[in-house]
Amino acid sequence: MAGRDEIILGYNDRTASIKTNADTVIDCIRRALAERAGRWKLVVGDFIRLFSGLLNSPAATQLARWYIAKADDTPEPAPERVAFLRELEELGG
């Protein structure tokens, strides 16, 4: 009978930056690959937090082309997005 190894991933802080959460996922996948008994594919999932918390999270501000902190602000790229794009450039685009 075929079996499956499964990772169910819940972040301590799902609103952390994309890179921080990606590093967590990569570490979990590598550990699961190293510790698994079979050679079956892995299935990865996560748990979703409150939507409002996600809208202003580092991950959301990194992805949003335009961002406003307050209703009367002028839309502009968030500092987190500028830093994220710079980091991507440093990693090779």
N, C-alpha and C. Protein backbone atom coordinates (compact mmCIF):
# COMPACT_ATOMS: atom_id res chain seq x y z
N MET A 1 0.85 -1.18 0.00
CA MET A 1 0.00 0.00 0.00
C MET A 1 0.89 1.24 0.00
N ALA A 2 0.56 2.20 -0.83
CA ALA A 2 1.33 3.44 -0.93
C ALA A 2 0.97 4.36 0.23
N GLY A 3 1.97 5.08 0.72
CA GLY A 3 1.74 6.05 1.79
C GLY A 3 2.11 7.44 1.34
N ARG A 4 1.85 8.41 2.19
CA ARG A 4 2.20 9.79 1.87
C ARG A 4 2.77 10.44 3.13
N ASP A 5 3.75 11.31 2.92
CA ASP A 5 4.24 12.18 3.98
C ASP A 5 3.58 13.52 3.76
N GLU A 6 3.12 14.14 4.82
CA GLU A 6 2.41 15.40 4.68
C GLU A 6 2.94 16.41 5.69
N ILE A 7 3.10 17.65 5.26
CA ILE A 7 3.46 18.75 6.15
C ILE A 7 2.23 19.64 6.27
N ILE A 8 1.81 19.89 7.49
CA ILE A 8 0.78 20.90 7.73
C ILE A 8 1.50 22.00 8.48
N LEU A 9 1.64 23.13 7.82
CA LEU A 9 2.48 24.20 8.32
C LEU A 9 1.65 25.36 8.84
N GLY A 10 1.86 25.71 10.09
CA GLY A 10 1.22 26.89 10.67
C GLY A 10 2.32 27.84 11.15
N TYR A 11 2.27 29.07 10.70
CA TYR A 11 3.31 30.04 11.05
C TYR A 11 3.05 30.63 12.43
N ASN A 12 4.12 30.92 13.17
CA ASN A 12 3.97 31.69 14.41
C ASN A 12 3.47 33.09 14.09
N ASP A 13 3.95 33.64 12.98
CA ASP A 13 3.54 34.98 12.55
C ASP A 13 3.34 34.96 11.05
N ARG A 14 2.13 34.69 10.62
CA ARG A 14 1.84 34.60 9.19
C ARG A 14 1.95 35.94 8.50
N THR A 15 1.96 37.02 9.29
CA THR A 15 2.08 38.35 8.71
C THR A 15 3.54 38.77 8.53
N ALA A 16 4.47 37.89 8.86
CA ALA A 16 5.89 38.20 8.68
C ALA A 16 6.19 38.35 7.18
N SER A 17 7.40 38.77 6.87
CA SER A 17 7.76 38.99 5.47
C SER A 17 7.70 37.70 4.67
N ILE A 18 7.56 37.84 3.37
CA ILE A 18 7.49 36.69 2.47
C ILE A 18 8.76 35.86 2.60
N LYS A 19 9.91 36.49 2.64
CA LYS A 19 11.18 35.77 2.73
C LYS A 19 11.28 34.99 4.04
N THR A 20 10.87 35.61 5.14
CA THR A 20 10.91 34.92 6.44
C THR A 20 10.03 33.68 6.41
N ASN A 21 8.80 33.82 5.91
CA ASN A 21 7.90 32.67 5.85
C ASN A 21 8.38 31.64 4.82
N ALA A 22 8.96 32.11 3.71
CA ALA A 22 9.50 31.17 2.72
C ALA A 22 10.65 30.36 3.32
N ASP A 23 11.50 31.02 4.10
CA ASP A 23 12.60 30.31 4.76
C ASP A 23 12.05 29.23 5.70
N THR A 24 10.96 29.54 6.40
CA THR A 24 10.32 28.57 7.29
C THR A 24 9.82 27.37 6.49
N VAL A 25 9.17 27.62 5.37
CA VAL A 25 8.65 26.55 4.52
C VAL A 25 9.80 25.68 4.00
N ILE A 26 10.85 26.32 3.52
CA ILE A 26 12.00 25.58 2.99
C ILE A 26 12.61 24.70 4.06
N ASP A 27 12.79 25.24 5.27
CA ASP A 27 13.35 24.44 6.37
C ASP A 27 12.46 23.24 6.69
N CYS A 28 11.16 23.45 6.71
CA CYS A 28 10.23 22.35 7.01
C CYS A 28 10.27 21.28 5.94
N ILE A 29 10.29 21.70 4.68
CA ILE A 29 10.33 20.73 3.58
C ILE A 29 11.63 19.94 3.61
N ARG A 30 12.74 20.63 3.82
CA ARG A 30 14.03 19.92 3.89
C ARG A 30 14.06 18.92 5.03
N ARG A 31 13.52 19.32 6.17
CA ARG A 31 13.49 18.41 7.32
C ARG A 31 12.60 17.21 7.02
N ALA A 32 11.44 17.46 6.44
CA ALA A 32 10.54 16.35 6.11
C ALA A 32 11.19 15.40 5.10
N LEU A 33 11.88 15.94 4.11
CA LEU A 33 12.56 15.09 3.13
C LEU A 33 13.64 14.26 3.79
N ALA A 34 14.36 14.85 4.74
CA ALA A 34 15.44 14.14 5.41
C ALA A 34 14.92 13.05 6.35
N GLU A 35 13.75 13.27 6.95
CA GLU A 35 13.24 12.36 7.96
C GLU A 35 12.18 11.38 7.47
N ARG A 36 11.72 11.53 6.26
CA ARG A 36 10.63 10.66 5.80
C ARG A 36 11.10 9.23 5.60
N ALA A 37 10.16 8.33 5.72
CA ALA A 37 10.47 6.91 5.57
C ALA A 37 10.38 6.48 4.11
N GLY A 38 9.47 7.04 3.36
CA GLY A 38 9.29 6.67 1.96
C GLY A 38 9.86 7.70 1.03
N ARG A 39 9.50 7.59 -0.24
CA ARG A 39 9.96 8.56 -1.24
C ARG A 39 8.76 9.21 -1.94
N TRP A 40 7.66 9.32 -1.22
CA TRP A 40 6.44 9.87 -1.79
C TRP A 40 6.49 11.39 -1.84
N LYS A 41 5.65 11.96 -2.68
CA LYS A 41 5.55 13.42 -2.79
C LYS A 41 5.05 14.02 -1.48
N LEU A 42 5.47 15.26 -1.22
CA LEU A 42 5.01 15.98 -0.04
C LEU A 42 3.85 16.90 -0.42
N VAL A 43 2.93 17.07 0.51
CA VAL A 43 1.82 17.99 0.34
C VAL A 43 1.98 19.05 1.43
N VAL A 44 2.01 20.32 1.04
CA VAL A 44 2.24 21.40 2.00
C VAL A 44 1.01 22.30 2.05
N GLY A 45 0.55 22.62 3.26
CA GLY A 45 -0.58 23.53 3.45
C GLY A 45 -0.30 24.47 4.60
N ASP A 46 -1.12 25.50 4.75
CA ASP A 46 -0.97 26.41 5.88
C ASP A 46 -2.34 26.85 6.37
N PHE A 47 -2.34 27.55 7.50
CA PHE A 47 -3.57 28.05 8.10
C PHE A 47 -3.66 29.55 7.89
N ILE A 48 -4.84 30.04 7.57
CA ILE A 48 -5.03 31.46 7.26
C ILE A 48 -5.49 32.21 8.51
N ARG A 49 -4.86 33.37 8.77
CA ARG A 49 -5.26 34.24 9.89
C ARG A 49 -6.32 35.23 9.43
N LEU A 50 -6.66 36.14 10.30
CA LEU A 50 -7.66 37.15 9.98
C LEU A 50 -7.23 37.99 8.79
N PHE A 51 -8.17 38.26 7.91
CA PHE A 51 -7.88 38.99 6.68
C PHE A 51 -7.32 40.39 6.95
N SER A 52 -7.88 41.09 7.91
CA SER A 52 -7.42 42.46 8.19
C SER A 52 -5.97 42.49 8.62
N GLY A 53 -5.55 41.49 9.37
CA GLY A 53 -4.15 41.42 9.79
C GLY A 53 -3.22 41.19 8.61
N LEU A 54 -3.73 40.51 7.60
CA LEU A 54 -2.91 40.21 6.43
C LEU A 54 -2.75 41.42 5.52
N LEU A 55 -3.75 42.29 5.47
CA LEU A 55 -3.69 43.44 4.57
C LEU A 55 -2.53 44.38 4.87
N ASN A 56 -2.18 44.51 6.14
CA ASN A 56 -1.10 45.40 6.53
C ASN A 56 0.14 44.64 6.98
N SER A 57 0.20 43.40 6.64
CA SER A 57 1.36 42.58 7.02
C SER A 57 2.56 42.94 6.16
N PRO A 58 3.78 42.63 6.63
CA PRO A 58 4.95 42.84 5.79
C PRO A 58 4.83 42.15 4.43
N ALA A 59 4.27 40.96 4.41
CA ALA A 59 4.12 40.25 3.14
C ALA A 59 3.21 41.02 2.18
N ALA A 60 2.10 41.52 2.68
CA ALA A 60 1.17 42.27 1.83
C ALA A 60 1.79 43.57 1.35
N THR A 61 2.49 44.27 2.23
CA THR A 61 3.10 45.53 1.82
C THR A 61 4.27 45.30 0.87
N GLN A 62 4.89 44.13 0.94
CA GLN A 62 5.95 43.80 -0.01
C GLN A 62 5.39 43.56 -1.40
N LEU A 63 4.19 43.03 -1.49
CA LEU A 63 3.60 42.69 -2.78
C LEU A 63 2.77 43.81 -3.39
N ALA A 64 2.19 44.66 -2.57
CA ALA A 64 1.30 45.71 -3.08
C ALA A 64 2.08 46.76 -3.85
N ARG A 65 1.65 47.00 -5.09
CA ARG A 65 2.32 48.05 -5.89
C ARG A 65 2.12 49.41 -5.27
N TRP A 66 0.92 49.68 -4.76
CA TRP A 66 0.61 50.94 -4.10
C TRP A 66 0.10 50.65 -2.70
N TYR A 67 0.47 51.50 -1.76
CA TYR A 67 0.10 51.27 -0.37
C TYR A 67 -0.24 52.60 0.29
N ILE A 68 -1.25 52.58 1.15
CA ILE A 68 -1.54 53.74 1.99
C ILE A 68 -1.69 53.25 3.43
N ALA A 69 -1.05 53.94 4.34
CA ALA A 69 -1.16 53.57 5.76
C ALA A 69 -2.43 54.14 6.37
N LYS A 70 -2.85 55.33 5.88
CA LYS A 70 -4.06 56.00 6.36
C LYS A 70 -4.91 56.38 5.15
N ALA A 71 -6.20 56.56 5.38
CA ALA A 71 -7.13 56.82 4.29
C ALA A 71 -6.78 58.06 3.47
N ASP A 72 -6.19 59.08 4.08
CA ASP A 72 -5.90 60.31 3.34
C ASP A 72 -4.47 60.36 2.80
N ASP A 73 -3.71 59.27 2.92
CA ASP A 73 -2.35 59.21 2.38
C ASP A 73 -2.36 59.16 0.86
N THR A 74 -1.28 59.56 0.26
CA THR A 74 -1.08 59.41 -1.17
C THR A 74 -0.53 58.01 -1.44
N PRO A 75 -1.16 57.25 -2.32
CA PRO A 75 -0.66 55.90 -2.60
C PRO A 75 0.77 55.94 -3.14
N GLU A 76 1.60 55.09 -2.60
CA GLU A 76 2.98 54.96 -3.04
C GLU A 76 3.49 53.58 -2.62
N PRO A 77 4.58 53.12 -3.22
CA PRO A 77 5.13 51.84 -2.78
C PRO A 77 5.54 51.92 -1.31
N ALA A 78 5.19 50.91 -0.55
CA ALA A 78 5.59 50.86 0.86
C ALA A 78 7.09 50.67 0.96
N PRO A 79 7.71 51.18 2.02
CA PRO A 79 9.15 50.96 2.20
C PRO A 79 9.51 49.47 2.19
N GLU A 80 8.60 48.63 2.70
CA GLU A 80 8.84 47.18 2.70
C GLU A 80 8.93 46.64 1.27
N ARG A 81 8.10 47.20 0.35
CA ARG A 81 8.15 46.76 -1.05
C ARG A 81 9.46 47.19 -1.70
N VAL A 82 9.88 48.42 -1.46
CA VAL A 82 11.12 48.90 -2.03
C VAL A 82 12.29 48.03 -1.57
N ALA A 83 12.32 47.72 -0.27
CA ALA A 83 13.39 46.87 0.28
C ALA A 83 13.31 45.46 -0.30
N PHE A 84 12.09 44.93 -0.44
CA PHE A 84 11.90 43.58 -0.98
C PHE A 84 12.38 43.51 -2.43
N LEU A 85 12.02 44.50 -3.24
CA LEU A 85 12.45 44.51 -4.64
C LEU A 85 13.96 44.64 -4.74
N ARG A 86 14.55 45.43 -3.86
CA ARG A 86 16.01 45.56 -3.84
C ARG A 86 16.65 44.21 -3.49
N GLU A 87 16.08 43.53 -2.50
CA GLU A 87 16.59 42.21 -2.10
C GLU A 87 16.47 41.20 -3.24
N LEU A 88 15.34 41.22 -3.97
CA LEU A 88 15.18 40.34 -5.12
C LEU A 88 16.25 40.61 -6.18
N GLU A 89 16.50 41.90 -6.41
CA GLU A 89 17.54 42.27 -7.38
C GLU A 89 18.89 41.70 -6.97
N GLU A 90 19.20 41.81 -5.68
CA GLU A 90 20.48 41.30 -5.17
C GLU A 90 20.58 39.78 -5.32
N LEU A 91 19.42 39.10 -5.26
CA LEU A 91 19.40 37.65 -5.42
C LEU A 91 19.38 37.21 -6.87
N GLY A 92 19.32 38.18 -7.78
CA GLY A 92 19.35 37.85 -9.20
C GLY A 92 18.04 38.10 -9.91
N GLY A 93 17.18 38.92 -9.37
CA GLY A 93 15.96 39.32 -10.05
C GLY A 93 14.80 38.52 -9.65
